[in-house]
Structures are given as C-alpha cells and as structure tokens.
C-alpha cells in the first residue's frame, strides 16, 4: 500500500512524539507499505527539518535524512492540482494522484476539504494508527 506522509507528521516524529514516529517507522519498515515522495516533497522534508526554530541537533538530522533517503520511494509527478485552501500543500495531493496512493497521513486540517479531489484516504496519525497499523500488526 502506498502512503504519503505530510511534513508536519515528520516534524512531530523528529520532536519525539511517539505516535508519529511509530507510524512513520511502521510504514517505512513494513514490506506491505511504501512511503511515497516526490522531489518537491523530499526537498520540503529536508528544508523544514533544518529550520532554526526546531533546533534539531546534527545527529538527529542525519538520522532522519538517512531514514528518508533509504526508506522512501520517489515518484515522478507531472500533475498540477488546484488546492485553493493552501496551494503550497497541493504537492501532496498531486503526489497522491500521480502514485495512486491509498493513504495520506497528515495533521493539517486544511486537507479535510481535499478528500473530494483525490481517491486517496486522508487521515490523521492517530486514525491511521488505529485503523491500519494496529489492525495490520
């Protein structure tokens, strides 16, 4: 199953929030799941993790960059999508469409309005954990 993970979930995981880290590692290490990214999503992940406001130590950045580089699958996205609620987040919806992802995990409530734009199931970390990870494990 293809899964897209929003940047806010990755940041939460890096901040040591148990559920996001647990869900990301479940997706990344389970052979039945595939963590999908596009080039622009990958660039956003790295750029956001390096922001001064988080103050992540270099060792933690190296750890998460290693996880991202080794455990994600890059897809080519040649779809433009209009997402008036927050156009900068349209890259996640475009990736979902291009990859036919089953799930998009996010903590951003703006995406509740996006469900009608994609077939991908958009859900929170806690809901993914409850209805997918806990059932799958």
N, C-alpha and C. Protein backbone atom coordinates (compact mmCIF):
# COMPACT_ATOMS: atom_id res chain seq x y z
N UNK A 1 0.83 -1.17 0.00
CA UNK A 1 0.00 0.00 0.00
C UNK A 1 0.88 1.24 0.00
N UNK A 2 0.52 2.18 -0.82
CA UNK A 2 1.28 3.42 -0.94
C UNK A 2 0.77 4.46 0.05
N UNK A 3 1.72 5.08 0.75
CA UNK A 3 1.39 6.05 1.79
C UNK A 3 2.22 7.31 1.58
N UNK A 4 1.55 8.45 1.67
CA UNK A 4 2.22 9.74 1.64
C UNK A 4 2.13 10.32 3.05
N UNK A 5 3.22 10.91 3.50
CA UNK A 5 3.28 11.44 4.86
C UNK A 5 3.55 12.94 4.79
N UNK A 6 2.68 13.71 5.42
CA UNK A 6 2.82 15.16 5.43
C UNK A 6 4.05 15.57 6.24
N UNK A 7 4.61 16.70 5.89
CA UNK A 7 5.80 17.20 6.58
C UNK A 7 5.55 17.41 8.07
N UNK A 8 4.34 17.84 8.43
CA UNK A 8 4.07 18.09 9.85
C UNK A 8 4.14 16.80 10.67
N UNK A 9 3.85 15.68 10.06
CA UNK A 9 3.95 14.39 10.75
C UNK A 9 5.42 14.02 10.95
N UNK A 10 6.22 14.27 9.93
CA UNK A 10 7.66 14.00 10.03
C UNK A 10 8.29 14.87 11.12
N UNK A 11 7.94 16.13 11.17
CA UNK A 11 8.48 17.03 12.20
C UNK A 11 8.06 16.55 13.58
N UNK A 12 6.81 16.17 13.72
CA UNK A 12 6.34 15.65 15.01
C UNK A 12 7.11 14.41 15.42
N UNK A 13 7.40 13.55 14.48
CA UNK A 13 8.19 12.35 14.77
C UNK A 13 9.59 12.73 15.23
N UNK A 14 10.21 13.69 14.56
CA UNK A 14 11.56 14.12 14.93
C UNK A 14 11.57 14.78 16.31
N UNK A 15 10.44 15.38 16.68
CA UNK A 15 10.33 16.01 18.00
C UNK A 15 10.08 14.99 19.11
N UNK A 16 10.08 13.72 18.74
CA UNK A 16 9.91 12.61 19.68
C UNK A 16 8.46 12.41 20.14
N UNK A 17 7.55 12.74 19.28
CA UNK A 17 6.16 12.44 19.57
C UNK A 17 5.95 10.97 19.22
N UNK A 18 5.58 10.17 20.15
CA UNK A 18 5.54 8.72 19.99
C UNK A 18 4.74 8.24 18.78
N UNK A 19 3.48 8.65 18.68
CA UNK A 19 2.63 8.11 17.62
C UNK A 19 3.15 8.43 16.21
N UNK A 20 3.51 9.69 15.90
CA UNK A 20 4.01 9.94 14.55
C UNK A 20 5.26 9.13 14.21
N UNK A 21 6.20 9.05 15.14
CA UNK A 21 7.41 8.28 14.87
C UNK A 21 7.07 6.80 14.68
N UNK A 22 6.20 6.29 15.51
CA UNK A 22 5.79 4.89 15.42
C UNK A 22 5.12 4.60 14.06
N UNK A 23 4.25 5.49 13.64
CA UNK A 23 3.54 5.31 12.36
C UNK A 23 4.51 5.40 11.19
N UNK A 24 5.39 6.39 11.20
CA UNK A 24 6.36 6.53 10.11
C UNK A 24 7.24 5.28 10.01
N UNK A 25 7.76 4.83 11.14
CA UNK A 25 8.64 3.66 11.10
C UNK A 25 7.87 2.40 10.70
N UNK A 26 6.62 2.30 11.08
CA UNK A 26 5.78 1.18 10.65
C UNK A 26 5.66 1.18 9.13
N UNK A 27 5.32 2.33 8.56
CA UNK A 27 5.17 2.43 7.10
C UNK A 27 6.50 2.14 6.41
N UNK A 28 7.56 2.74 6.91
CA UNK A 28 8.86 2.63 6.26
C UNK A 28 9.46 1.22 6.34
N UNK A 29 9.16 0.49 7.39
CA UNK A 29 9.80 -0.81 7.59
C UNK A 29 8.91 -2.00 7.25
N UNK A 30 7.65 -1.76 6.98
CA UNK A 30 6.72 -2.85 6.66
C UNK A 30 6.74 -3.09 5.15
N UNK A 31 7.07 -4.30 4.72
CA UNK A 31 7.16 -4.57 3.28
C UNK A 31 5.84 -4.42 2.52
N UNK A 32 4.72 -4.40 3.23
CA UNK A 32 3.42 -4.24 2.57
C UNK A 32 3.07 -2.77 2.32
N UNK A 33 3.92 -1.87 2.82
CA UNK A 33 3.67 -0.44 2.67
C UNK A 33 4.85 0.22 1.98
N UNK A 34 4.55 1.31 1.29
CA UNK A 34 5.58 2.04 0.56
C UNK A 34 5.39 3.53 0.84
N UNK A 35 6.41 4.17 1.42
CA UNK A 35 6.37 5.60 1.72
C UNK A 35 6.74 6.34 0.45
N UNK A 36 5.77 7.03 -0.12
CA UNK A 36 5.91 7.69 -1.41
C UNK A 36 6.26 9.17 -1.21
N UNK A 37 7.22 9.65 -2.00
CA UNK A 37 7.58 11.07 -2.01
C UNK A 37 7.79 11.51 -3.46
N UNK A 38 7.69 12.80 -3.66
CA UNK A 38 8.12 13.41 -4.93
C UNK A 38 9.37 14.22 -4.61
N UNK A 39 10.03 14.72 -5.64
CA UNK A 39 11.23 15.51 -5.41
C UNK A 39 10.92 16.74 -4.56
N UNK A 40 9.81 17.41 -4.84
CA UNK A 40 9.49 18.63 -4.07
C UNK A 40 9.12 18.30 -2.62
N UNK A 41 8.49 17.16 -2.39
CA UNK A 41 8.19 16.75 -1.01
C UNK A 41 9.49 16.44 -0.27
N UNK A 42 10.38 15.72 -0.91
CA UNK A 42 11.67 15.40 -0.30
C UNK A 42 12.43 16.67 0.07
N UNK A 43 12.43 17.64 -0.84
CA UNK A 43 13.10 18.91 -0.56
C UNK A 43 12.44 19.64 0.60
N UNK A 44 11.11 19.60 0.67
CA UNK A 44 10.42 20.24 1.78
C UNK A 44 10.76 19.55 3.10
N UNK A 45 10.74 18.22 3.12
CA UNK A 45 11.11 17.49 4.34
C UNK A 45 12.45 18.01 4.88
N UNK A 46 13.45 18.00 4.02
CA UNK A 46 14.80 18.36 4.46
C UNK A 46 14.89 19.82 4.87
N UNK A 47 14.27 20.69 4.10
CA UNK A 47 14.30 22.11 4.43
C UNK A 47 13.63 22.43 5.75
N UNK A 48 12.48 21.85 5.98
CA UNK A 48 11.74 22.12 7.22
C UNK A 48 12.48 21.55 8.42
N UNK A 49 13.00 20.35 8.31
CA UNK A 49 13.74 19.76 9.44
C UNK A 49 14.95 20.59 9.84
N UNK A 50 15.52 21.32 8.88
CA UNK A 50 16.71 22.12 9.15
C UNK A 50 16.39 23.53 9.66
N UNK A 51 15.13 23.87 9.81
CA UNK A 51 14.79 25.21 10.28
C UNK A 51 15.33 25.44 11.69
N UNK A 52 15.86 26.64 11.89
CA UNK A 52 16.44 27.01 13.18
C UNK A 52 15.44 26.89 14.32
N UNK A 53 14.17 27.16 14.05
CA UNK A 53 13.18 27.16 15.13
C UNK A 53 13.04 25.81 15.81
N UNK A 54 13.40 24.73 15.12
CA UNK A 54 13.32 23.41 15.74
C UNK A 54 14.59 23.08 16.51
N UNK A 55 15.71 23.59 16.08
CA UNK A 55 16.96 23.37 16.78
C UNK A 55 17.39 21.92 16.88
N UNK A 56 17.06 21.14 15.85
CA UNK A 56 17.45 19.73 15.87
C UNK A 56 18.96 19.60 15.81
N UNK A 57 19.54 18.78 16.68
CA UNK A 57 20.99 18.54 16.62
C UNK A 57 21.35 17.83 15.31
N UNK A 58 22.56 18.03 14.88
CA UNK A 58 23.03 17.46 13.61
C UNK A 58 22.85 15.94 13.56
N UNK A 59 23.10 15.27 14.66
CA UNK A 59 22.96 13.81 14.69
C UNK A 59 21.52 13.38 14.41
N UNK A 60 20.56 14.12 14.94
CA UNK A 60 19.15 13.80 14.69
C UNK A 60 18.79 14.07 13.24
N UNK A 61 19.30 15.16 12.68
CA UNK A 61 19.05 15.45 11.26
C UNK A 61 19.62 14.35 10.38
N UNK A 62 20.82 13.92 10.68
CA UNK A 62 21.45 12.84 9.91
C UNK A 62 20.60 11.58 9.99
N UNK A 63 20.12 11.26 11.18
CA UNK A 63 19.27 10.08 11.36
C UNK A 63 18.03 10.14 10.48
N UNK A 64 17.30 11.28 10.55
CA UNK A 64 16.06 11.40 9.78
C UNK A 64 16.32 11.51 8.28
N UNK A 65 17.40 12.19 7.87
CA UNK A 65 17.73 12.25 6.44
C UNK A 65 18.04 10.84 5.93
N UNK A 66 18.71 10.05 6.73
CA UNK A 66 19.03 8.67 6.36
C UNK A 66 17.74 7.85 6.20
N UNK A 67 16.83 7.99 7.15
CA UNK A 67 15.54 7.29 7.08
C UNK A 67 14.81 7.70 5.80
N UNK A 68 14.74 9.00 5.55
CA UNK A 68 14.03 9.50 4.38
C UNK A 68 14.67 8.98 3.08
N UNK A 69 15.97 9.06 2.99
CA UNK A 69 16.65 8.67 1.75
C UNK A 69 16.60 7.17 1.50
N UNK A 70 16.67 6.38 2.54
CA UNK A 70 16.71 4.93 2.36
C UNK A 70 15.34 4.27 2.32
N UNK A 71 14.34 4.88 2.94
CA UNK A 71 13.07 4.19 3.11
C UNK A 71 11.89 4.81 2.38
N UNK A 72 12.18 5.76 1.48
CA UNK A 72 11.10 6.33 0.68
C UNK A 72 11.25 5.90 -0.77
N UNK A 73 10.15 5.97 -1.49
CA UNK A 73 10.15 5.69 -2.92
C UNK A 73 9.78 6.96 -3.65
N UNK A 74 10.66 7.40 -4.53
CA UNK A 74 10.46 8.63 -5.29
C UNK A 74 9.59 8.33 -6.51
N UNK A 75 8.58 9.19 -6.72
CA UNK A 75 7.75 9.09 -7.91
C UNK A 75 7.83 10.40 -8.69
N UNK A 76 7.67 10.30 -9.98
CA UNK A 76 7.61 11.46 -10.85
C UNK A 76 6.20 12.00 -10.79
N UNK A 77 6.08 13.29 -10.57
CA UNK A 77 4.76 13.92 -10.50
C UNK A 77 4.68 14.96 -11.61
N UNK A 78 3.79 14.71 -12.55
CA UNK A 78 3.61 15.65 -13.66
C UNK A 78 2.17 16.14 -13.72
N UNK A 79 1.56 16.24 -12.55
CA UNK A 79 0.18 16.66 -12.41
C UNK A 79 0.15 17.99 -11.65
N UNK A 80 -0.62 18.93 -12.18
CA UNK A 80 -0.86 20.17 -11.44
C UNK A 80 -2.26 20.09 -10.87
N UNK A 81 -2.40 20.45 -9.63
CA UNK A 81 -3.70 20.40 -8.98
C UNK A 81 -3.96 21.74 -8.28
N UNK A 82 -5.17 22.19 -8.36
CA UNK A 82 -5.56 23.42 -7.68
C UNK A 82 -6.11 23.07 -6.30
N UNK A 83 -5.51 23.65 -5.29
CA UNK A 83 -5.98 23.46 -3.93
C UNK A 83 -6.07 24.84 -3.28
N UNK A 84 -7.19 25.53 -3.52
CA UNK A 84 -7.32 26.91 -3.06
C UNK A 84 -7.14 27.10 -1.56
N UNK A 85 -7.43 26.11 -0.79
CA UNK A 85 -7.31 26.22 0.67
C UNK A 85 -5.87 26.57 1.07
N UNK A 86 -4.88 25.93 0.40
CA UNK A 86 -3.46 26.19 0.66
C UNK A 86 -2.66 25.62 -0.50
N UNK A 87 -2.43 26.43 -1.51
CA UNK A 87 -1.80 25.95 -2.75
C UNK A 87 -0.42 25.33 -2.51
N UNK A 88 0.30 25.79 -1.49
CA UNK A 88 1.63 25.19 -1.25
C UNK A 88 1.54 23.73 -0.81
N UNK A 89 0.37 23.31 -0.37
CA UNK A 89 0.17 21.91 0.02
C UNK A 89 -0.33 21.04 -1.14
N UNK A 90 -0.57 21.66 -2.28
CA UNK A 90 -1.07 20.91 -3.44
C UNK A 90 -0.10 19.82 -3.88
N UNK A 91 1.18 19.98 -3.57
CA UNK A 91 2.18 18.97 -3.96
C UNK A 91 1.87 17.59 -3.39
N UNK A 92 1.27 17.55 -2.19
CA UNK A 92 0.93 16.27 -1.58
C UNK A 92 -0.25 15.61 -2.31
N UNK A 93 -1.21 16.41 -2.71
CA UNK A 93 -2.36 15.89 -3.45
C UNK A 93 -1.94 15.44 -4.84
N UNK A 94 -1.06 16.21 -5.48
CA UNK A 94 -0.56 15.82 -6.80
C UNK A 94 0.22 14.50 -6.71
N UNK A 95 0.99 14.34 -5.67
CA UNK A 95 1.75 13.10 -5.46
C UNK A 95 0.79 11.94 -5.23
N UNK A 96 -0.27 12.19 -4.48
CA UNK A 96 -1.27 11.15 -4.22
C UNK A 96 -1.92 10.70 -5.53
N UNK A 97 -2.27 11.66 -6.37
CA UNK A 97 -2.87 11.33 -7.66
C UNK A 97 -1.89 10.59 -8.57
N UNK A 98 -0.67 11.10 -8.66
CA UNK A 98 0.33 10.51 -9.56
C UNK A 98 0.71 9.08 -9.16
N UNK A 99 0.70 8.81 -7.87
CA UNK A 99 1.14 7.49 -7.39
C UNK A 99 0.00 6.53 -7.08
N UNK A 100 -1.24 7.03 -7.15
CA UNK A 100 -2.40 6.22 -6.74
C UNK A 100 -2.24 5.73 -5.30
N UNK A 101 -1.78 6.62 -4.43
CA UNK A 101 -1.57 6.27 -3.02
C UNK A 101 -2.89 5.94 -2.34
N UNK A 102 -2.82 4.96 -1.46
CA UNK A 102 -4.01 4.58 -0.70
C UNK A 102 -4.26 5.53 0.48
N UNK A 103 -3.16 6.02 1.09
CA UNK A 103 -3.29 6.83 2.29
C UNK A 103 -2.41 8.08 2.22
N UNK A 104 -2.92 9.15 2.81
CA UNK A 104 -2.16 10.37 3.05
C UNK A 104 -2.33 10.69 4.52
N UNK A 105 -1.24 10.65 5.28
CA UNK A 105 -1.27 10.88 6.72
C UNK A 105 -0.86 12.33 6.98
N UNK A 106 -1.73 13.08 7.66
CA UNK A 106 -1.46 14.48 7.91
C UNK A 106 -2.07 14.93 9.24
N UNK A 107 -1.51 16.00 9.77
CA UNK A 107 -2.08 16.63 10.94
C UNK A 107 -2.70 17.97 10.57
N UNK A 108 -2.75 18.28 9.28
CA UNK A 108 -3.24 19.56 8.77
C UNK A 108 -4.73 19.46 8.43
N UNK A 109 -5.55 20.17 9.18
CA UNK A 109 -6.99 20.12 8.96
C UNK A 109 -7.42 20.73 7.63
N UNK A 110 -6.54 21.50 6.99
CA UNK A 110 -6.87 22.04 5.66
C UNK A 110 -7.19 20.93 4.67
N UNK A 111 -6.61 19.77 4.89
CA UNK A 111 -6.81 18.67 3.94
C UNK A 111 -8.17 18.00 4.04
N UNK A 112 -8.95 18.31 5.06
CA UNK A 112 -10.29 17.72 5.15
C UNK A 112 -11.12 18.12 3.94
N UNK A 113 -10.86 19.30 3.39
CA UNK A 113 -11.58 19.76 2.20
C UNK A 113 -11.02 19.14 0.92
N UNK A 114 -9.90 18.49 1.00
CA UNK A 114 -9.26 17.93 -0.19
C UNK A 114 -9.73 16.53 -0.53
N UNK A 115 -10.45 15.88 0.35
CA UNK A 115 -10.85 14.50 0.11
C UNK A 115 -11.62 14.35 -1.19
N UNK A 116 -12.36 15.36 -1.60
CA UNK A 116 -13.12 15.27 -2.84
C UNK A 116 -12.24 15.39 -4.08
N UNK A 117 -10.98 15.80 -3.91
CA UNK A 117 -10.07 15.97 -5.04
C UNK A 117 -9.28 14.70 -5.38
N UNK A 118 -9.17 13.80 -4.43
CA UNK A 118 -8.36 12.59 -4.62
C UNK A 118 -9.10 11.36 -4.09
N UNK A 119 -8.73 10.20 -4.63
CA UNK A 119 -9.29 8.95 -4.13
C UNK A 119 -8.55 8.46 -2.89
N UNK A 120 -7.37 8.99 -2.66
CA UNK A 120 -6.54 8.65 -1.52
C UNK A 120 -7.28 8.97 -0.22
N UNK A 121 -7.22 8.05 0.73
CA UNK A 121 -7.84 8.30 2.03
C UNK A 121 -6.93 9.21 2.84
N UNK A 122 -7.47 10.35 3.25
CA UNK A 122 -6.72 11.33 4.03
C UNK A 122 -7.10 11.16 5.50
N UNK A 123 -6.09 10.91 6.34
CA UNK A 123 -6.39 10.67 7.74
C UNK A 123 -5.27 11.12 8.65
N UNK A 124 -5.59 11.29 9.92
CA UNK A 124 -4.62 11.73 10.92
C UNK A 124 -3.73 10.56 11.33
N UNK A 125 -2.67 10.91 12.04
CA UNK A 125 -1.76 9.89 12.57
C UNK A 125 -2.52 8.92 13.47
N UNK A 126 -3.31 9.46 14.39
CA UNK A 126 -4.00 8.60 15.34
C UNK A 126 -5.01 7.69 14.65
N UNK A 127 -5.68 8.20 13.63
CA UNK A 127 -6.64 7.37 12.91
C UNK A 127 -5.93 6.30 12.08
N UNK A 128 -4.82 6.65 11.43
CA UNK A 128 -4.04 5.65 10.70
C UNK A 128 -3.56 4.57 11.66
N UNK A 129 -3.07 5.00 12.80
CA UNK A 129 -2.58 4.03 13.80
C UNK A 129 -3.70 3.09 14.23
N UNK A 130 -4.86 3.65 14.46
CA UNK A 130 -5.98 2.86 14.96
C UNK A 130 -6.57 1.91 13.91
N UNK A 131 -6.80 2.40 12.70
CA UNK A 131 -7.49 1.57 11.72
C UNK A 131 -6.58 0.82 10.76
N UNK A 132 -5.29 1.19 10.72
CA UNK A 132 -4.38 0.49 9.81
C UNK A 132 -3.28 -0.22 10.59
N UNK A 133 -2.44 0.56 11.27
CA UNK A 133 -1.28 -0.05 11.94
C UNK A 133 -1.67 -1.06 12.99
N UNK A 134 -2.60 -0.72 13.87
CA UNK A 134 -2.98 -1.64 14.93
C UNK A 134 -3.64 -2.90 14.40
N UNK A 135 -4.36 -2.77 13.30
CA UNK A 135 -5.02 -3.92 12.69
C UNK A 135 -4.00 -4.77 11.92
N UNK A 136 -3.05 -4.10 11.26
CA UNK A 136 -2.05 -4.77 10.41
C UNK A 136 -1.03 -5.53 11.24
N UNK A 137 -0.72 -5.00 12.42
CA UNK A 137 0.35 -5.59 13.25
C UNK A 137 -0.07 -6.87 13.91
